[in-house]
Amino acid sequence: MTSTRNLRWLSAAAYAGMFGFGVVMALLGAILPVIAGRMTIDLAHAGDLFLLMNFAMLASTLVVGPVLDRFGHRWPLLGGSILVALALWLVVQARAFASMQAAIIVLGIGGGALNQSTNTLISDIHGDWKQKTVALNLLGVFFGIGALFIPLCIGSLLQSVGLAGILYLAAGVVLIPAVLASVLVFPQPRHRSGAHVPQLVSLLKQPLIWMLAFLLFFESGNEFIIGGYLTTYLTRYSGIDVAVASYWLAAYWGAMMIARLLIGRTRLYPVRIVQASAVGVAASMLLILFVRHGWAIGAGSVLLGLTIATIFPTVLAEAGSWFSAYSGTVFSILIGVALTGGITLPWVTGRLSQRAGIHTGLNLVILNAAGVWALQTLAGARMRLVPRAH
């Protein structure tokens, strides 16, 4: 196998792994309306499930980053794939809230490994920030395909094959990266002897890393909130039935894929991409929440997907370009802080929605978008002063 051909297959393995992570991210939001009656899950319980999944994902991410730098990409990609498939099987078997919690913990561990390993692999096999931006956004397209898969199948196949059939099909597809990871040749680990403590301390002292990390804290919170609560908002507050709400969620994920495919055509600097996207997210959520007509909900869902799509991969490209020597560890910090936002902000949304209504809870999306814009503005100013760490 030639080097170029191997790189293509490595990209394919990463794409398949990111598909699996998309399934992880969309799963709870898509199936909650279906399983709520079976297990009597209210909004507060839903928030608890998101908390568990994201905490498991955070723990996995913090471990996998340094492992990638020292041991390479193979085992996190392979193991994450197997764990996600196992978790989908456990969800089918769950008949009580406790067993669902166990399945969600496994899902989070596997999802964290897939997210970290695929993003780091794609960043490591591409060159400058422009290549990384395009490649990581393309990787995000496969996240969107995976996220689209479950709600689209629920909308079209739930009556014919049932939820179990849909999840078994997803589990089969999710195992593809495990097969590829077992046979491909991966790049050599950057630091076989482990990262040196002074260098790690130096990384932790970099203000730019923490600006980007807390930017992703708010961004990840928004992605988890929207993916987890949009269908619930549409069915409970706007009176739309489950099938139609699933199609609107699918439109959101579909718009996200389109935006990531088109990002390579823009000549905007990454800072401008993120700033414009943050403004678009706030405007789209305002449209969904305060213009309660069918066209507004549909347009808002599509615009939300288009505008939120490029923030996360573009910020990772910025970090991967500035700190390429320790991409695994830096991505671990960024994704770890991002997942902390994914842990806390959907939980807050669930509790706030239980007390004051889901309409009020989703206003957090607008506040988070403002935080993204402010931190990217500060990080952009910092980048003009800080040399890249190669």
Protein backbone atom coordinates (compact mmCIF):
# COMPACT_ATOMS: atom_id res chain seq x y z
CA MET A 1 0.00 0.00 0.00
CA THR A 2 1.50 3.36 -1.04
CA SER A 3 1.88 6.17 1.44
CA THR A 4 -0.73 8.28 -0.32
CA ARG A 5 -3.15 5.39 -0.44
CA ASN A 6 -2.57 4.65 3.23
CA LEU A 7 -3.30 8.29 4.10
CA ARG A 8 -6.58 8.01 2.23
CA TRP A 9 -7.52 4.92 4.18
CA LEU A 10 -6.50 6.61 7.44
CA SER A 11 -8.83 9.46 6.52
CA ALA A 12 -11.57 6.91 5.78
CA ALA A 13 -11.08 5.33 9.21
CA ALA A 14 -11.31 8.76 10.83
CA TYR A 15 -14.46 9.58 8.85
CA ALA A 16 -16.08 6.31 9.91
CA GLY A 17 -15.11 6.98 13.52
CA MET A 18 -16.57 10.46 13.40
CA PHE A 19 -19.80 8.99 11.99
CA GLY A 20 -19.92 6.92 15.18
CA PHE A 21 -19.40 10.00 17.31
CA GLY A 22 -22.25 11.72 15.45
CA VAL A 23 -24.49 8.79 16.38
CA VAL A 24 -23.42 9.21 20.01
CA MET A 25 -24.17 12.93 20.05
CA ALA A 26 -27.61 12.67 18.45
CA LEU A 27 -28.76 9.49 20.14
CA LEU A 28 -30.30 10.76 23.37
CA GLY A 29 -32.07 13.73 21.84
CA ALA A 30 -33.56 11.55 19.10
CA ILE A 31 -34.72 8.62 21.23
CA LEU A 32 -35.94 10.43 24.37
CA PRO A 33 -39.44 11.05 23.00
CA VAL A 34 -39.61 7.34 22.04
CA ILE A 35 -38.40 5.83 25.33
CA ALA A 36 -39.77 8.46 27.75
CA GLY A 37 -43.01 6.57 28.31
CA ARG A 38 -41.28 3.20 28.69
CA MET A 39 -39.04 4.48 31.50
CA THR A 40 -40.97 7.55 32.73
CA ILE A 41 -38.15 9.94 31.87
CA ASP A 42 -38.95 13.61 32.52
CA LEU A 43 -36.81 16.63 31.62
CA ALA A 44 -34.82 16.41 34.85
CA HIS A 45 -34.02 12.73 34.21
CA ALA A 46 -33.02 13.62 30.66
CA GLY A 47 -30.59 16.18 32.06
CA ASP A 48 -29.14 13.48 34.33
CA LEU A 49 -28.53 11.20 31.34
CA PHE A 50 -26.75 13.97 29.45
CA LEU A 51 -24.67 14.64 32.57
CA LEU A 52 -23.62 11.00 32.83
CA MET A 53 -22.77 10.64 29.15
CA ASN A 54 -20.74 13.81 29.04
CA PHE A 55 -18.89 13.07 32.26
CA ALA A 56 -17.90 9.65 30.89
CA MET A 57 -16.86 11.33 27.64
CA LEU A 58 -14.76 13.86 29.56
CA ALA A 59 -12.94 11.17 31.54
CA SER A 60 -12.24 9.26 28.33
CA THR A 61 -10.98 12.37 26.54
CA LEU A 62 -8.54 13.36 29.29
CA VAL A 63 -6.98 9.88 29.20
CA VAL A 64 -6.93 9.43 25.42
CA GLY A 65 -5.09 12.69 24.53
CA PRO A 66 -1.74 11.87 26.18
CA VAL A 67 -2.14 8.23 25.06
CA LEU A 68 -2.33 9.41 21.45
CA ASP A 69 0.89 11.43 21.76
CA ARG A 70 2.76 8.52 23.32
CA PHE A 71 1.25 5.36 21.78
CA GLY A 72 -0.47 6.50 18.59
CA HIS A 73 -3.97 6.50 17.15
CA ARG A 74 -4.81 2.82 16.62
CA TRP A 75 -6.12 1.63 19.98
CA PRO A 76 -8.30 4.61 20.92
CA LEU A 77 -9.99 4.44 17.51
CA LEU A 78 -10.49 0.68 17.67
CA GLY A 79 -11.63 0.60 21.30
CA GLY A 80 -13.96 3.57 20.94
CA SER A 81 -15.71 1.94 18.00
CA ILE A 82 -16.32 -1.29 19.89
CA LEU A 83 -17.60 0.50 23.00
CA VAL A 84 -20.11 2.62 21.07
CA ALA A 85 -21.49 -0.48 19.32
CA LEU A 86 -21.77 -2.22 22.69
CA ALA A 87 -23.58 0.78 24.16
CA LEU A 88 -26.16 0.77 21.36
CA TRP A 89 -26.89 -2.87 22.14
CA LEU A 90 -27.23 -2.04 25.84
CA VAL A 91 -29.72 0.75 25.05
CA VAL A 92 -31.91 -1.78 23.23
CA GLN A 93 -31.78 -4.11 26.22
CA ALA A 94 -32.48 -1.42 28.83
CA ARG A 95 -35.86 -1.65 30.53
CA ALA A 96 -35.22 0.57 33.56
CA PHE A 97 -33.60 3.94 34.15
CA ALA A 98 -30.62 2.37 35.97
CA SER A 99 -29.78 0.10 33.04
CA MET A 100 -30.12 3.06 30.67
CA GLN A 101 -27.64 4.96 32.82
CA ALA A 102 -25.12 2.11 32.49
CA ALA A 103 -25.54 2.06 28.71
CA ILE A 104 -25.04 5.83 28.53
CA ILE A 105 -21.79 5.63 30.53
CA VAL A 106 -20.38 3.09 28.03
CA LEU A 107 -21.63 5.29 25.19
CA GLY A 108 -19.80 8.31 26.61
CA ILE A 109 -16.51 6.48 27.08
CA GLY A 110 -16.57 5.15 23.53
CA GLY A 111 -17.70 8.47 22.09
CA GLY A 112 -14.93 10.36 23.84
CA ALA A 113 -12.31 8.01 22.42
CA LEU A 114 -13.73 8.34 18.89
CA ASN A 115 -13.93 12.13 19.06
CA GLN A 116 -10.40 12.60 20.36
CA SER A 117 -8.71 10.02 18.12
CA THR A 118 -10.40 11.08 14.86
CA ASN A 119 -9.81 14.82 15.30
CA THR A 120 -6.17 14.32 16.30
CA LEU A 121 -5.52 11.88 13.44
CA ILE A 122 -6.93 14.24 10.80
CA SER A 123 -5.00 17.20 12.25
CA ASP A 124 -1.75 15.23 12.36
CA ILE A 125 -1.86 14.04 8.73
CA HIS A 126 -2.51 17.52 7.28
CA GLY A 127 -0.25 20.55 7.02
CA ASP A 128 -0.98 24.25 7.59
CA TRP A 129 -4.03 25.84 9.19
CA LYS A 130 -5.90 26.09 5.87
CA GLN A 131 -5.51 22.37 5.16
CA LYS A 132 -6.42 21.55 8.75
CA THR A 133 -9.49 23.81 8.62
CA VAL A 134 -10.79 22.19 5.43
CA ALA A 135 -9.94 18.64 6.58
CA LEU A 136 -11.42 19.01 10.06
CA ASN A 137 -14.60 20.57 8.65
CA LEU A 138 -14.84 17.68 6.18
CA LEU A 139 -14.43 15.31 9.11
CA GLY A 140 -17.30 17.18 10.70
CA VAL A 141 -19.47 16.33 7.69
CA PHE A 142 -19.28 12.70 8.75
CA PHE A 143 -20.21 13.75 12.27
CA GLY A 144 -23.30 15.31 10.70
CA ILE A 145 -24.05 12.13 8.71
CA GLY A 146 -23.87 10.09 11.90
CA ALA A 147 -25.98 12.60 13.82
CA LEU A 148 -28.50 12.68 10.96
CA PHE A 149 -28.71 8.90 10.78
CA ILE A 150 -30.66 8.22 13.99
CA PRO A 151 -33.35 10.96 13.77
CA LEU A 152 -33.85 10.32 10.05
CA CYS A 153 -34.28 6.60 10.65
CA ILE A 154 -36.69 7.26 13.51
CA GLY A 155 -38.75 9.53 11.29
CA SER A 156 -38.91 7.00 8.43
CA LEU A 157 -38.33 3.50 9.87
CA LEU A 158 -39.64 3.52 13.44
CA GLN A 159 -42.99 2.01 12.52
CA SER A 160 -41.51 -0.68 10.26
CA VAL A 161 -38.37 -1.91 12.03
CA GLY A 162 -38.68 -0.39 15.49
CA LEU A 163 -36.08 1.35 17.61
CA ALA A 164 -34.15 -1.89 18.19
CA GLY A 165 -33.69 -2.48 14.46
CA ILE A 166 -32.48 1.08 13.95
CA LEU A 167 -29.93 0.83 16.77
CA TYR A 168 -28.64 -2.58 15.66
CA LEU A 169 -28.11 -1.17 12.17
CA ALA A 170 -26.22 1.79 13.64
CA ALA A 171 -24.07 -0.56 15.74
CA GLY A 172 -23.03 -2.48 12.65
CA VAL A 173 -21.93 0.68 10.87
CA VAL A 174 -20.11 1.97 13.95
CA LEU A 175 -17.88 -1.12 13.97
CA ILE A 176 -16.33 -0.19 10.59
CA PRO A 177 -13.53 1.97 12.09
CA ALA A 178 -12.58 -0.91 14.39
CA VAL A 179 -12.04 -3.13 11.35
CA LEU A 180 -9.99 -0.46 9.56
CA ALA A 181 -7.95 0.42 12.64
CA SER A 182 -6.92 -3.21 13.05
CA VAL A 183 -5.19 -3.38 9.64
CA LEU A 184 -3.94 0.12 8.73
CA VAL A 185 -0.48 1.60 9.28
CA PHE A 186 -0.75 4.68 11.50
CA PRO A 187 1.68 7.60 11.93
CA GLN A 188 4.38 7.03 14.51
CA PRO A 189 3.65 8.48 17.99
CA ARG A 190 5.19 11.90 18.46
CA HIS A 191 6.53 11.22 21.96
CA ARG A 192 7.25 7.54 22.54
CA SER A 193 8.98 8.28 25.84
CA GLY A 194 6.09 10.41 27.06
CA ALA A 195 5.66 14.14 27.26
CA HIS A 196 8.24 16.06 29.30
CA VAL A 197 6.81 17.71 32.40
CA PRO A 198 8.31 21.19 31.75
CA GLN A 199 6.79 21.22 28.27
CA LEU A 200 3.38 20.19 29.61
CA VAL A 201 3.57 22.89 32.27
CA SER A 202 4.46 25.39 29.56
CA LEU A 203 1.40 24.32 27.56
CA LEU A 204 -0.86 24.73 30.58
CA LYS A 205 0.43 28.29 31.02
CA GLN A 206 -0.53 29.33 27.48
CA PRO A 207 -3.43 31.84 27.67
CA LEU A 208 -4.30 31.12 24.03
CA ILE A 209 -5.03 27.47 24.81
CA TRP A 210 -7.43 28.44 27.60
CA MET A 211 -9.16 31.10 25.49
CA LEU A 212 -9.83 28.51 22.80
CA ALA A 213 -10.74 25.90 25.40
CA PHE A 214 -13.41 28.03 27.08
CA LEU A 215 -14.67 29.15 23.69
CA LEU A 216 -15.31 25.46 23.04
CA PHE A 217 -16.87 25.18 26.51
CA PHE A 218 -19.70 27.43 25.33
CA GLU A 219 -19.77 25.94 21.82
CA SER A 220 -19.95 22.35 23.03
CA GLY A 221 -22.66 23.32 25.49
CA ASN A 222 -24.68 24.72 22.61
CA GLU A 223 -24.19 21.65 20.44
CA PHE A 224 -25.28 19.33 23.23
CA ILE A 225 -28.24 21.53 24.18
CA ILE A 226 -29.52 21.83 20.62
CA GLY A 227 -28.97 18.19 19.73
CA GLY A 228 -30.53 17.05 22.99
CA TYR A 229 -33.48 19.38 23.44
CA LEU A 230 -34.59 20.60 20.01
CA THR A 231 -37.01 17.73 19.37
CA THR A 232 -38.34 17.96 22.93
CA TYR A 233 -38.93 21.71 22.47
CA LEU A 234 -40.71 21.15 19.16
CA THR A 235 -42.94 18.37 20.51
CA ARG A 236 -43.77 19.84 23.93
CA TYR A 237 -43.77 23.58 23.33
CA SER A 238 -44.62 23.96 19.65
CA GLY A 239 -47.06 21.05 19.38
CA ILE A 240 -45.26 19.24 16.54
CA ASP A 241 -45.50 15.42 16.50
CA VAL A 242 -42.43 13.23 16.96
CA ALA A 243 -41.98 12.28 13.29
CA VAL A 244 -42.07 15.91 12.07
CA ALA A 245 -39.79 17.04 14.90
CA SER A 246 -37.32 14.32 13.91
CA TYR A 247 -37.31 15.64 10.35
CA TRP A 248 -36.58 19.18 11.60
CA LEU A 249 -33.71 17.80 13.68
CA ALA A 250 -32.51 16.00 10.57
CA ALA A 251 -32.70 19.32 8.67
CA TYR A 252 -30.50 20.88 11.36
CA TRP A 253 -27.85 18.15 11.00
CA GLY A 254 -28.14 18.23 7.20
CA ALA A 255 -27.54 21.98 7.09
CA MET A 256 -24.50 21.45 9.31
CA MET A 257 -23.04 19.01 6.77
CA ILE A 258 -23.62 21.41 3.88
CA ALA A 259 -21.85 24.24 5.70
CA ARG A 260 -18.83 22.05 6.44
CA LEU A 261 -18.60 20.95 2.82
CA LEU A 262 -18.63 24.57 1.66
CA ILE A 263 -16.10 25.94 4.15
CA GLY A 264 -13.18 25.10 1.84
CA ARG A 265 -14.47 27.65 -0.67
CA THR A 266 -14.29 30.58 1.71
CA ARG A 267 -11.22 32.77 2.06
CA LEU A 268 -12.21 34.10 5.45
CA TYR A 269 -9.63 33.96 8.21
CA PRO A 270 -10.63 31.41 10.91
CA VAL A 271 -11.27 34.16 13.47
CA ARG A 272 -13.84 35.77 11.15
CA ILE A 273 -15.47 32.40 10.44
CA VAL A 274 -16.04 31.76 14.14
CA GLN A 275 -17.22 35.28 14.90
CA ALA A 276 -19.75 35.30 12.06
CA SER A 277 -20.96 31.83 13.03
CA ALA A 278 -21.55 32.85 16.65
CA VAL A 279 -23.72 35.76 15.55
CA GLY A 280 -25.64 33.43 13.24
CA VAL A 281 -26.31 30.92 16.04
CA ALA A 282 -27.79 33.63 18.28
CA ALA A 283 -29.98 34.99 15.47
CA SER A 284 -31.21 31.52 14.49
CA MET A 285 -32.21 30.60 18.03
CA LEU A 286 -34.02 33.91 18.44
CA LEU A 287 -36.02 33.04 15.31
CA ILE A 288 -36.95 29.59 16.64
CA LEU A 289 -37.91 30.82 20.10
CA PHE A 290 -39.77 34.03 19.36
CA VAL A 291 -41.32 33.65 15.89
CA ARG A 292 -43.58 30.67 16.51
CA HIS A 293 -44.70 29.86 12.99
CA GLY A 294 -43.99 26.71 11.00
CA TRP A 295 -41.76 28.50 8.50
CA ALA A 296 -39.78 30.16 11.29
CA ILE A 297 -39.11 26.85 13.04
CA GLY A 298 -37.97 25.25 9.79
CA ALA A 299 -35.86 28.20 8.70
CA GLY A 300 -34.42 28.58 12.18
CA SER A 301 -33.44 24.90 12.33
CA VAL A 302 -31.67 25.10 8.97
CA LEU A 303 -29.92 28.39 9.76
CA LEU A 304 -28.86 27.04 13.14
CA GLY A 305 -27.18 24.08 11.47
CA LEU A 306 -25.50 26.28 8.86
CA THR A 307 -24.08 28.71 11.39
CA ILE A 308 -23.02 26.42 14.23
CA ALA A 309 -21.36 23.92 11.89
CA THR A 310 -17.88 25.36 11.42
CA ILE A 311 -17.10 26.68 14.90
CA PHE A 312 -15.75 23.54 16.58
CA PRO A 313 -13.57 22.19 13.72
CA THR A 314 -12.25 25.66 12.84
CA VAL A 315 -11.14 26.28 16.43
CA LEU A 316 -9.45 22.86 16.52
CA ALA A 317 -7.65 23.77 13.30
CA GLU A 318 -6.43 26.99 14.91
CA ALA A 319 -5.11 25.06 17.91
CA GLY A 320 -3.61 22.26 15.80
CA SER A 321 -1.74 24.83 13.71
CA TRP A 322 -0.36 26.79 16.68
CA PHE A 323 0.52 23.77 18.85
CA SER A 324 1.25 20.97 16.36
CA ALA A 325 4.06 19.39 18.41
CA TYR A 326 1.63 18.29 21.14
CA SER A 327 -1.62 18.05 19.19
CA GLY A 328 -2.96 15.10 21.17
CA THR A 329 -2.38 16.72 24.55
CA VAL A 330 -3.61 20.15 23.42
CA PHE A 331 -6.71 18.61 21.84
CA SER A 332 -7.24 16.72 25.09
CA ILE A 333 -7.27 20.01 27.00
CA LEU A 334 -9.55 21.73 24.50
CA ILE A 335 -11.98 18.86 24.08
CA GLY A 336 -11.91 18.17 27.82
CA VAL A 337 -12.93 21.73 28.64
CA ALA A 338 -15.46 21.60 25.80
CA LEU A 339 -17.00 18.49 27.26
CA THR A 340 -17.15 20.18 30.64
CA GLY A 341 -19.47 22.63 28.91
CA GLY A 342 -21.28 19.64 27.47
CA ILE A 343 -21.64 18.24 30.99
CA THR A 344 -22.83 21.33 32.80
CA LEU A 345 -24.80 23.41 30.31
CA PRO A 346 -27.30 20.74 29.14
CA TRP A 347 -27.79 19.75 32.79
CA VAL A 348 -28.52 23.38 33.66
CA THR A 349 -30.84 23.55 30.66
CA GLY A 350 -32.74 20.48 31.84
CA ARG A 351 -33.16 21.79 35.38
CA LEU A 352 -34.09 25.28 34.23
CA SER A 353 -36.55 23.87 31.71
CA GLN A 354 -38.16 21.70 34.37
CA ARG A 355 -38.75 24.75 36.57
CA ALA A 356 -39.38 27.59 34.12
CA GLY A 357 -40.20 25.84 30.85
CA ILE A 358 -38.03 24.65 27.98
CA HIS A 359 -38.53 27.95 26.13
CA THR A 360 -36.67 29.70 28.94
CA GLY A 361 -34.01 26.98 29.13
CA LEU A 362 -33.10 27.31 25.46
CA ASN A 363 -32.31 31.00 25.91
CA LEU A 364 -28.95 29.75 27.22
CA VAL A 365 -27.98 29.02 23.61
CA ILE A 366 -28.03 32.76 22.86
CA LEU A 367 -25.87 33.59 25.89
CA ASN A 368 -23.39 30.86 24.97
CA ALA A 369 -23.08 32.20 21.42
CA ALA A 370 -22.17 35.60 22.86
CA GLY A 371 -19.42 33.91 24.90
CA VAL A 372 -18.07 32.22 21.76
CA TRP A 373 -17.87 35.54 19.92
CA ALA A 374 -16.11 37.33 22.79
CA LEU A 375 -13.50 34.62 23.36
CA GLN A 376 -12.69 34.25 19.66
CA THR A 377 -12.16 38.00 19.48
CA LEU A 378 -9.69 37.81 22.39
CA ALA A 379 -7.98 34.71 20.97
CA GLY A 380 -7.62 36.36 17.55
CA ALA A 381 -5.83 39.31 19.14
CA ARG A 382 -3.57 36.91 21.04
CA MET A 383 -2.66 34.97 17.88
CA ARG A 384 -1.19 38.09 16.36
CA LEU A 385 1.26 38.22 19.27
CA VAL A 386 2.13 34.57 19.98
CA PRO A 387 4.47 32.50 17.74
CA ARG A 388 3.34 29.06 16.66
CA ALA A 389 4.66 26.21 18.82
CA HIS A 390 6.13 23.62 16.46
